[in-house]
Amino acid sequence: MNNSLFRKVLKLTTPIFFGYMAIGIPFGLMIVNAGYPWWIAPLMCLTLYTGSGQYFAVGLFASGAGLFEIILVQFLLSIRHFFYGLSLIGKYKGTGKIKAYLIHAITDETFALVSSVEVPENVSKEKFYTLISVLDQSYWTLGSTIGAVACNILQKYKLSSYLEGIDFALTALFVVLLIEQIKKSKDFIPPLVGGLASATTVILFKLGIFDSSNIIWTSICFGLGTMLLVKGPSYFKKNSSQTQEDATQPVEIQTNQKKENTNE
């Protein structure tokens, strides 16, 4: 592989490196602190490879959630990837056998980078996109492994007290994502409905209506049902269209910039 290409891609992905290390290390700490061996962290990074999904999976595993609940939650968390995939059809066209891996390695950050940069001259897009995806996944795997090994060492030397509160990393992550989503959409109804649905489900569980294994999917059903009653089906269509528009925006901006430069 061309050293200049590697240096170029390394420079492009450096911001992702720092971001993935910052959230990968807490993930590794969390999964070992939950009672799993350290090697589960890198294994999940290679197979599941979805930041928020991996965080959420730790809580699902610890709570003894069923396979159906895990699949449902992961599907809902990653549904935006449908639009990512549609937006990258042109980019990944003609990448050959490596296309399957490129699809597997799509994350929010990788998508943002791939959709906003052009392949350098005299470089095959297969090599360029593969290198971006491999480096990004390597960053996430490295951060998670560092966290897992660090937690393993702390437990070995009976320093587990320093891990107190690490489970809150998952809550903090989703609170930040929620705040960003509210700031972007200016719509408080979905998070309010979600909170009320979750609270209602927990109350019903406490009353003995159903057991703990049904809490997650029941909350999701309550939330979706309430949103359909309050907003109607058109709300979901509108947001799906907006998500797809946001996903393709970097490519459109880049195309417009090229046209402006050509006109100049």
C-alpha atoms as a PDB file:
ATOM      1  CA  MET A   1       0.000   0.000   0.000  1.00  0.00           C
ATOM      2  CA  ASN A   2       1.225   3.481  -0.889  1.00  0.00           C
ATOM      3  CA  ASN A   3       2.746   5.210   2.168  1.00  0.00           C
ATOM      4  CA  SER A   4       1.496   8.617   1.021  1.00  0.00           C
ATOM      5  CA  LEU A   5      -2.066   7.235   0.829  1.00  0.00           C
ATOM      6  CA  PHE A   6      -1.766   5.812   4.330  1.00  0.00           C
ATOM      7  CA  ARG A   7      -0.509   9.141   5.695  1.00  0.00           C
ATOM      8  CA  LYS A   8      -3.312  11.016   3.951  1.00  0.00           C
ATOM      9  CA  VAL A   9      -6.029   8.741   5.324  1.00  0.00           C
ATOM     10  CA  LEU A  10      -4.393   8.724   8.750  1.00  0.00           C
ATOM     11  CA  LYS A  11      -4.570  12.515   8.777  1.00  0.00           C
ATOM     12  CA  LEU A  12      -8.209  12.477   7.660  1.00  0.00           C
ATOM     13  CA  THR A  13      -9.214  10.003  10.373  1.00  0.00           C
ATOM     14  CA  THR A  14      -7.232  11.540  13.265  1.00  0.00           C
ATOM     15  CA  PRO A  15     -10.292  13.386  14.691  1.00  0.00           C
ATOM     16  CA  ILE A  16     -12.185  10.087  14.655  1.00  0.00           C
ATOM     17  CA  PHE A  17      -9.275   8.460  16.511  1.00  0.00           C
ATOM     18  CA  PHE A  18      -9.581  10.868  19.439  1.00  0.00           C
ATOM     19  CA  GLY A  19     -13.361  10.580  19.501  1.00  0.00           C
ATOM     20  CA  TYR A  20     -13.337   6.778  19.441  1.00  0.00           C
ATOM     21  CA  MET A  21     -10.693   6.570  22.142  1.00  0.00           C
ATOM     22  CA  ALA A  22     -12.777   8.847  24.365  1.00  0.00           C
ATOM     23  CA  ILE A  23     -15.908   6.696  24.112  1.00  0.00           C
ATOM     24  CA  GLY A  24     -14.236   3.330  23.455  1.00  0.00           C
ATOM     25  CA  ILE A  25     -12.305   3.210  26.738  1.00  0.00           C
ATOM     26  CA  PRO A  26     -15.464   3.669  28.890  1.00  0.00           C
ATOM     27  CA  PHE A  27     -17.144   0.896  26.901  1.00  0.00           C
ATOM     28  CA  GLY A  28     -14.271  -1.485  27.656  1.00  0.00           C
ATOM     29  CA  LEU A  29     -14.391  -0.543  31.342  1.00  0.00           C
ATOM     30  CA  MET A  30     -18.154  -1.082  31.433  1.00  0.00           C
ATOM     31  CA  ILE A  31     -18.249  -4.524  29.877  1.00  0.00           C
ATOM     32  CA  VAL A  32     -15.541  -5.978  32.137  1.00  0.00           C
ATOM     33  CA  ASN A  33     -17.083  -4.276  35.166  1.00  0.00           C
ATOM     34  CA  ALA A  34     -20.356  -6.001  34.233  1.00  0.00           C
ATOM     35  CA  GLY A  35     -18.648  -9.376  34.726  1.00  0.00           C
ATOM     36  CA  TYR A  36     -17.497 -10.298  31.225  1.00  0.00           C
ATOM     37  CA  PRO A  37     -13.901 -11.264  30.240  1.00  0.00           C
ATOM     38  CA  TRP A  38     -11.784  -8.513  28.652  1.00  0.00           C
ATOM     39  CA  TRP A  39     -11.664 -10.188  25.216  1.00  0.00           C
ATOM     40  CA  ILE A  40     -15.414  -9.747  24.785  1.00  0.00           C
ATOM     41  CA  ALA A  41     -14.796  -6.018  24.156  1.00  0.00           C
ATOM     42  CA  PRO A  42     -12.603  -6.397  21.029  1.00  0.00           C
ATOM     43  CA  LEU A  43     -14.765  -9.306  19.849  1.00  0.00           C
ATOM     44  CA  MET A  44     -17.871  -7.104  19.930  1.00  0.00           C
ATOM     45  CA  CYS A  45     -15.967  -4.332  18.136  1.00  0.00           C
ATOM     46  CA  LEU A  46     -15.179  -6.728  15.301  1.00  0.00           C
ATOM     47  CA  THR A  47     -18.645  -8.260  15.009  1.00  0.00           C
ATOM     48  CA  LEU A  48     -21.292  -5.893  16.402  1.00  0.00           C
ATOM     49  CA  TYR A  49     -19.319  -2.665  15.721  1.00  0.00           C
ATOM     50  CA  THR A  50     -21.877  -0.025  16.595  1.00  0.00           C
ATOM     51  CA  GLY A  51     -20.984   2.416  19.342  1.00  0.00           C
ATOM     52  CA  SER A  52     -24.375   3.114  20.908  1.00  0.00           C
ATOM     53  CA  GLY A  53     -25.514  -0.444  20.165  1.00  0.00           C
ATOM     54  CA  GLN A  54     -22.535  -1.921  22.011  1.00  0.00           C
ATOM     55  CA  TYR A  55     -23.116   0.336  24.991  1.00  0.00           C
ATOM     56  CA  PHE A  56     -26.760  -0.621  25.089  1.00  0.00           C
ATOM     57  CA  ALA A  57     -25.925  -4.318  24.660  1.00  0.00           C
ATOM     58  CA  VAL A  58     -24.026  -4.316  27.968  1.00  0.00           C
ATOM     59  CA  GLY A  59     -27.176  -3.273  29.830  1.00  0.00           C
ATOM     60  CA  LEU A  60     -29.300  -5.763  27.898  1.00  0.00           C
ATOM     61  CA  PHE A  61     -26.933  -8.640  28.667  1.00  0.00           C
ATOM     62  CA  ALA A  62     -26.725  -7.677  32.338  1.00  0.00           C
ATOM     63  CA  SER A  63     -30.521  -7.468  32.662  1.00  0.00           C
ATOM     64  CA  GLY A  64     -31.008 -10.895  31.097  1.00  0.00           C
ATOM     65  CA  ALA A  65     -32.956  -9.550  28.117  1.00  0.00           C
ATOM     66  CA  GLY A  66     -34.240 -12.079  25.596  1.00  0.00           C
ATOM     67  CA  LEU A  67     -32.956 -12.483  22.052  1.00  0.00           C
ATOM     68  CA  PHE A  68     -36.045 -10.809  20.568  1.00  0.00           C
ATOM     69  CA  GLU A  69     -35.588  -7.716  22.745  1.00  0.00           C
ATOM     70  CA  ILE A  70     -31.911  -7.445  21.884  1.00  0.00           C
ATOM     71  CA  ILE A  71     -32.606  -7.725  18.137  1.00  0.00           C
ATOM     72  CA  LEU A  72     -35.461  -5.185  18.343  1.00  0.00           C
ATOM     73  CA  VAL A  73     -33.435  -2.621  20.279  1.00  0.00           C
ATOM     74  CA  GLN A  74     -30.405  -2.980  18.012  1.00  0.00           C
ATOM     75  CA  PHE A  75     -32.617  -2.638  14.952  1.00  0.00           C
ATOM     76  CA  LEU A  76     -34.229   0.568  16.222  1.00  0.00           C
ATOM     77  CA  LEU A  77     -30.885   2.030  17.291  1.00  0.00           C
ATOM     78  CA  SER A  78     -29.353   1.366  13.883  1.00  0.00           C
ATOM     79  CA  ILE A  79     -32.298   2.120  11.614  1.00  0.00           C
ATOM     80  CA  ARG A  80     -30.577   5.301  10.372  1.00  0.00           C
ATOM     81  CA  HIS A  81     -28.056   3.044   8.607  1.00  0.00           C
ATOM     82  CA  PHE A  82     -30.687   2.317   5.957  1.00  0.00           C
ATOM     83  CA  PHE A  83     -30.344   5.913   4.797  1.00  0.00           C
ATOM     84  CA  TYR A  84     -26.564   5.831   5.131  1.00  0.00           C
ATOM     85  CA  GLY A  85     -26.481   2.807   2.852  1.00  0.00           C
ATOM     86  CA  LEU A  86     -28.730   4.443   0.255  1.00  0.00           C
ATOM     87  CA  SER A  87     -26.513   7.530   0.238  1.00  0.00           C
ATOM     88  CA  LEU A  88     -23.338   5.504  -0.292  1.00  0.00           C
ATOM     89  CA  ILE A  89     -24.576   3.335  -3.181  1.00  0.00           C
ATOM     90  CA  GLY A  90     -22.716   5.483  -5.688  1.00  0.00           C
ATOM     91  CA  LYS A  91     -19.600   5.796  -3.546  1.00  0.00           C
ATOM     92  CA  TYR A  92     -19.244   2.056  -2.992  1.00  0.00           C
ATOM     93  CA  LYS A  93     -20.223   1.007  -6.504  1.00  0.00           C
ATOM     94  CA  GLY A  94     -17.524  -1.120  -8.138  1.00  0.00           C
ATOM     95  CA  THR A  95     -15.626  -1.879  -4.913  1.00  0.00           C
ATOM     96  CA  GLY A  96     -15.812  -5.616  -5.551  1.00  0.00           C
ATOM     97  CA  LYS A  97     -15.705  -8.243  -2.821  1.00  0.00           C
ATOM     98  CA  ILE A  98     -14.690  -5.696  -0.175  1.00  0.00           C
ATOM     99  CA  LYS A  99     -18.104  -4.013  -0.439  1.00  0.00           C
ATOM    100  CA  ALA A 100     -19.587  -6.352   2.190  1.00  0.00           C
ATOM    101  CA  TYR A 101     -16.988  -5.194   4.707  1.00  0.00           C
ATOM    102  CA  LEU A 102     -17.457  -1.534   3.773  1.00  0.00           C
ATOM    103  CA  ILE A 103     -21.184  -1.872   4.488  1.00  0.00           C
ATOM    104  CA  HIS A 104     -20.475  -3.602   7.810  1.00  0.00           C
ATOM    105  CA  ALA A 105     -18.045  -0.844   8.813  1.00  0.00           C
ATOM    106  CA  ILE A 106     -20.413   2.098   8.257  1.00  0.00           C
ATOM    107  CA  THR A 107     -20.717   4.212  11.400  1.00  0.00           C
ATOM    108  CA  ASP A 108     -21.865   7.810  11.855  1.00  0.00           C
ATOM    109  CA  GLU A 109     -18.292   9.085  11.731  1.00  0.00           C
ATOM    110  CA  THR A 110     -17.163   6.885   8.833  1.00  0.00           C
ATOM    111  CA  PHE A 111     -20.234   7.868   6.842  1.00  0.00           C
ATOM    112  CA  ALA A 112     -19.635  11.567   7.462  1.00  0.00           C
ATOM    113  CA  LEU A 113     -16.022  11.266   6.311  1.00  0.00           C
ATOM    114  CA  VAL A 114     -16.622   9.047   3.277  1.00  0.00           C
ATOM    115  CA  SER A 115     -19.512  11.188   2.031  1.00  0.00           C
ATOM    116  CA  SER A 116     -17.526  14.435   2.255  1.00  0.00           C
ATOM    117  CA  VAL A 117     -14.142  13.521   0.700  1.00  0.00           C
ATOM    118  CA  GLU A 118     -13.117  12.614  -2.809  1.00  0.00           C
ATOM    119  CA  VAL A 119     -10.858   9.733  -3.768  1.00  0.00           C
ATOM    120  CA  PRO A 120      -7.344  11.057  -4.599  1.00  0.00           C
ATOM    121  CA  GLU A 121      -6.150  10.829  -8.171  1.00  0.00           C
ATOM    122  CA  ASN A 122      -4.449   7.589  -9.236  1.00  0.00           C
ATOM    123  CA  VAL A 123      -5.886   5.764  -6.211  1.00  0.00           C
ATOM    124  CA  SER A 124      -8.611   3.126  -6.450  1.00  0.00           C
ATOM    125  CA  LYS A 125     -11.663   3.969  -4.380  1.00  0.00           C
ATOM    126  CA  GLU A 126     -11.660   0.371  -3.130  1.00  0.00           C
ATOM    127  CA  LYS A 127      -8.311   0.938  -1.375  1.00  0.00           C
ATOM    128  CA  PHE A 128      -9.220   4.435  -0.207  1.00  0.00           C
ATOM    129  CA  TYR A 129     -12.570   3.577   1.386  1.00  0.00           C
ATOM    130  CA  THR A 130     -11.257   0.306   2.798  1.00  0.00           C
ATOM    131  CA  LEU A 131      -8.376   2.072   4.523  1.00  0.00           C
ATOM    132  CA  ILE A 132     -10.723   4.644   6.053  1.00  0.00           C
ATOM    133  CA  SER A 133     -13.049   1.917   7.343  1.00  0.00           C
ATOM    134  CA  VAL A 134     -10.243  -0.285   8.676  1.00  0.00           C
ATOM    135  CA  LEU A 135      -8.541   2.581  10.516  1.00  0.00           C
ATOM    136  CA  ASP A 136     -11.805   3.788  12.063  1.00  0.00           C
ATOM    137  CA  GLN A 137     -12.697   0.301  13.274  1.00  0.00           C
ATOM    138  CA  SER A 138      -9.155  -0.149  14.573  1.00  0.00           C
ATOM    139  CA  TYR A 139      -9.469   3.053  16.639  1.00  0.00           C
ATOM    140  CA  TRP A 140     -12.715   1.877  18.199  1.00  0.00           C
ATOM    141  CA  THR A 141     -11.340  -1.596  18.879  1.00  0.00           C
ATOM    142  CA  LEU A 142      -8.142  -0.183  20.382  1.00  0.00           C
ATOM    143  CA  GLY A 143      -9.998   2.163  22.731  1.00  0.00           C
ATOM    144  CA  SER A 144     -12.386  -0.579  23.866  1.00  0.00           C
ATOM    145  CA  THR A 145      -9.534  -3.040  24.420  1.00  0.00           C
ATOM    146  CA  ILE A 146      -7.536  -0.501  26.454  1.00  0.00           C
ATOM    147  CA  GLY A 147     -10.568   0.094  28.677  1.00  0.00           C
ATOM    148  CA  ALA A 148     -11.252  -3.633  29.087  1.00  0.00           C
ATOM    149  CA  VAL A 149      -7.635  -4.491  29.939  1.00  0.00           C
ATOM    150  CA  ALA A 150      -7.412  -1.535  32.341  1.00  0.00           C
ATOM    151  CA  CYS A 151     -10.552  -2.686  34.139  1.00  0.00           C
ATOM    152  CA  ASN A 152      -9.202  -6.236  34.305  1.00  0.00           C
ATOM    153  CA  ILE A 153      -5.980  -4.965  35.913  1.00  0.00           C
ATOM    154  CA  LEU A 154      -7.878  -2.810  38.420  1.00  0.00           C
ATOM    155  CA  GLN A 155      -9.997  -5.796  39.439  1.00  0.00           C
ATOM    156  CA  LYS A 156      -6.950  -8.041  39.712  1.00  0.00           C
ATOM    157  CA  TYR A 157      -5.270  -5.676  42.180  1.00  0.00           C
ATOM    158  CA  LYS A 158      -8.519  -5.072  44.077  1.00  0.00           C
ATOM    159  CA  LEU A 159      -8.865  -1.487  42.876  1.00  0.00           C
ATOM    160  CA  SER A 160     -12.429  -1.925  41.669  1.00  0.00           C
ATOM    161  CA  SER A 161     -13.572   0.959  43.861  1.00  0.00           C
ATOM    162  CA  TYR A 162     -12.131   3.310  41.240  1.00  0.00           C
ATOM    163  CA  LEU A 163     -14.711   1.971  38.784  1.00  0.00           C
ATOM    164  CA  GLU A 164     -17.653   3.113  40.894  1.00  0.00           C
ATOM    165  CA  GLY A 165     -20.131   4.962  38.729  1.00  0.00           C
ATOM    166  CA  ILE A 166     -18.689   3.769  35.396  1.00  0.00           C
ATOM    167  CA  ASP A 167     -22.099   2.281  34.528  1.00  0.00           C
ATOM    168  CA  PHE A 168     -23.365   5.850  34.269  1.00  0.00           C
ATOM    169  CA  ALA A 169     -21.301   6.251  31.070  1.00  0.00           C
ATOM    170  CA  LEU A 170     -24.148   4.642  29.113  1.00  0.00           C
ATOM    171  CA  THR A 171     -26.718   7.002  30.621  1.00  0.00           C
ATOM    172  CA  ALA A 172     -24.460   9.996  30.007  1.00  0.00           C
ATOM    173  CA  LEU A 173     -23.937   9.002  26.370  1.00  0.00           C
ATOM    174  CA  PHE A 174     -27.652   8.818  25.640  1.00  0.00           C
ATOM    175  CA  VAL A 175     -28.384  12.025  27.551  1.00  0.00           C
ATOM    176  CA  VAL A 176     -25.877  13.851  25.333  1.00  0.00           C
ATOM    177  CA  LEU A 177     -27.394  12.296  22.189  1.00  0.00           C
ATOM    178  CA  LEU A 178     -30.873  13.259  23.393  1.00  0.00           C
ATOM    179  CA  ILE A 179     -29.859  16.873  24.062  1.00  0.00           C
ATOM    180  CA  GLU A 180     -28.270  17.171  20.618  1.00  0.00           C
ATOM    181  CA  GLN A 181     -31.363  15.707  18.975  1.00  0.00           C
ATOM    182  CA  ILE A 182     -33.688  18.108  20.829  1.00  0.00           C
ATOM    183  CA  LYS A 183     -31.495  21.088  19.913  1.00  0.00           C
ATOM    184  CA  LYS A 184     -31.598  20.041  16.278  1.00  0.00           C
ATOM    185  CA  SER A 185     -35.308  19.192  15.962  1.00  0.00           C
ATOM    186  CA  LYS A 186     -36.743  21.684  18.524  1.00  0.00           C
ATOM    187  CA  ASP A 187     -39.342  19.008  19.247  1.00  0.00           C
ATOM    188  CA  PHE A 188     -39.825  17.997  22.889  1.00  0.00           C
ATOM    189  CA  ILE A 189     -42.754  15.650  22.308  1.00  0.00           C
ATOM    190  CA  PRO A 190     -40.831  12.455  21.294  1.00  0.00           C
ATOM    191  CA  PRO A 191     -38.489  12.450  24.347  1.00  0.00           C
ATOM    192  CA  LEU A 192     -41.444  13.329  26.608  1.00  0.00           C
ATOM    193  CA  VAL A 193     -43.481  10.451  25.188  1.00  0.00           C
ATOM    194  CA  GLY A 194     -40.496   8.118  25.542  1.00  0.00           C
ATOM    195  CA  GLY A 195     -40.000   9.095  29.181  1.00  0.00           C
ATOM    196  CA  LEU A 196     -43.676   8.652  30.031  1.00  0.00           C
ATOM    197  CA  ALA A 197     -43.815   5.298  28.215  1.00  0.00           C
ATOM    198  CA  SER A 198     -40.783   4.044  30.144  1.00  0.00           C
ATOM    199  CA  ALA A 199     -42.172   5.271  33.472  1.00  0.00           C
ATOM    200  CA  THR A 200     -45.559   3.654  32.772  1.00  0.00           C
ATOM    201  CA  THR A 201     -43.915   0.351  31.875  1.00  0.00           C
ATOM    202  CA  VAL A 202     -41.817   0.339  35.067  1.00  0.00           C
ATOM    203  CA  ILE A 203     -44.932   1.066  37.160  1.00  0.00           C
ATOM    204  CA  LEU A 204     -46.785  -1.819  35.515  1.00  0.00           C
ATOM    205  CA  PHE A 205     -43.793  -4.061  36.220  1.00  0.00           C
ATOM    206  CA  LYS A 206     -43.796  -3.014  39.876  1.00  0.00           C
ATOM    207  CA  LEU A 207     -47.497  -3.838  40.044  1.00  0.00           C
ATOM    208  CA  GLY A 208     -46.742  -7.327  38.784  1.00  0.00           C
ATOM    209  CA  ILE A 209     -48.503  -6.971  35.413  1.00  0.00           C
ATOM    210  CA  PHE A 210     -45.490  -8.512  33.624  1.00  0.00           C
ATOM    211  CA  ASP A 211     -41.909  -9.520  34.425  1.00  0.00           C
ATOM    212  CA  SER A 212     -38.694  -7.554  33.853  1.00  0.00           C
ATOM    213  CA  SER A 213     -37.873  -9.295  30.553  1.00  0.00           C
ATOM    214  CA  ASN A 214     -40.826  -7.483  28.909  1.00  0.00           C
ATOM    215  CA  ILE A 215     -39.956  -3.950  30.017  1.00  0.00           C
ATOM    216  CA  ILE A 216     -37.951  -2.850  26.977  1.00  0.00           C
ATOM    217  CA  TRP A 217     -40.184  -4.001  24.128  1.00  0.00           C
ATOM    218  CA  THR A 218     -43.332  -2.927  26.017  1.00  0.00           C
ATOM    219  CA  SER A 219     -41.878   0.576  26.473  1.00  0.00           C
ATOM    220  CA  ILE A 220     -41.070   0.720  22.758  1.00  0.00           C
ATOM    221  CA  CYS A 221     -44.601  -0.370  21.808  1.00  0.00           C
ATOM    222  CA  PHE A 222     -46.153   2.176  24.196  1.00  0.00           C
ATOM    223  CA  GLY A 223     -43.928   4.930  22.853  1.00  0.00           C
ATOM    224  CA  LEU A 224     -44.544   4.180  19.171  1.00  0.00           C
ATOM    225  CA  GLY A 225     -48.282   3.760  19.748  1.00  0.00           C
ATOM    226  CA  THR A 226     -48.527   7.081  21.582  1.00  0.00           C
ATOM    227  CA  MET A 227     -46.516   8.879  18.891  1.00  0.00           C
ATOM    228  CA  LEU A 228     -48.878   7.505  16.219  1.00  0.00           C
ATOM    229  CA  LEU A 229     -51.861   8.820  18.184  1.00  0.00           C
ATOM    230  CA  VAL A 230     -50.297  12.222  18.896  1.00  0.00           C
ATOM    231  CA  LYS A 231     -48.446  12.924  15.639  1.00  0.00           C
ATOM    232  CA  GLY A 232     -49.934  10.492  13.141  1.00  0.00           C
ATOM    233  CA  PRO A 233     -48.164   8.339  10.500  1.00  0.00           C
ATOM    234  CA  SER A 234     -47.130  11.447   8.525  1.00  0.00           C
ATOM    235  CA  TYR A 235     -44.701  12.379  11.322  1.00  0.00           C
ATOM    236  CA  PHE A 236     -42.617   9.233  10.753  1.00  0.00           C
ATOM    237  CA  LYS A 237     -42.609   9.730   6.974  1.00  0.00           C
ATOM    238  CA  LYS A 238     -41.493  13.339   7.396  1.00  0.00           C
ATOM    239  CA  ASN A 239     -38.648  12.401   9.740  1.00  0.00           C
ATOM    240  CA  SER A 240     -37.515   9.543   7.493  1.00  0.00           C
ATOM    241  CA  SER A 241     -37.287  11.962   4.566  1.00  0.00           C
ATOM    242  CA  GLN A 242     -35.410  14.487   6.691  1.00  0.00           C
ATOM    243  CA  THR A 243     -32.944  11.837   7.861  1.00  0.00           C
ATOM    244  CA  GLN A 244     -32.223  10.830   4.284  1.00  0.00           C
ATOM    245  CA  GLU A 245     -31.811  14.481   3.286  1.00  0.00           C
ATOM    246  CA  ASP A 246     -29.343  15.078   6.155  1.00  0.00           C
ATOM    247  CA  ALA A 247     -27.436  11.956   5.203  1.00  0.00           C
ATOM    248  CA  THR A 248     -26.890  13.115   1.631  1.00  0.00           C
ATOM    249  CA  GLN A 249     -26.202  16.745   2.515  1.00  0.00           C
ATOM    250  CA  PRO A 250     -22.378  16.534   2.679  1.00  0.00           C
ATOM    251  CA  VAL A 251     -22.278  15.064  -0.836  1.00  0.00           C
ATOM    252  CA  GLU A 252     -24.626  17.745  -2.164  1.00  0.00           C
ATOM    253  CA  ILE A 253     -22.606  20.515  -0.564  1.00  0.00           C
ATOM    254  CA  GLN A 254     -19.440  19.126  -2.060  1.00  0.00           C
ATOM    255  CA  THR A 255     -21.037  18.892  -5.514  1.00  0.00           C
ATOM    256  CA  ASN A 256     -22.232  22.497  -5.309  1.00  0.00           C
ATOM    257  CA  GLN A 257     -18.777  23.642  -4.252  1.00  0.00           C
ATOM    258  CA  LYS A 258     -17.262  21.888  -7.269  1.00  0.00           C
ATOM    259  CA  LYS A 259     -19.749  23.612  -9.577  1.00  0.00           C
ATOM    260  CA  GLU A 260     -18.927  26.999  -8.059  1.00  0.00           C
ATOM    261  CA  ASN A 261     -15.212  26.393  -8.513  1.00  0.00           C
ATOM    262  CA  THR A 262     -15.801  25.356 -12.128  1.00  0.00           C
ATOM    263  CA  ASN A 263     -17.826  28.500 -12.820  1.00  0.00           C
ATOM    264  CA  GLU A 264     -15.061  30.637 -11.341  1.00  0.00           C
END
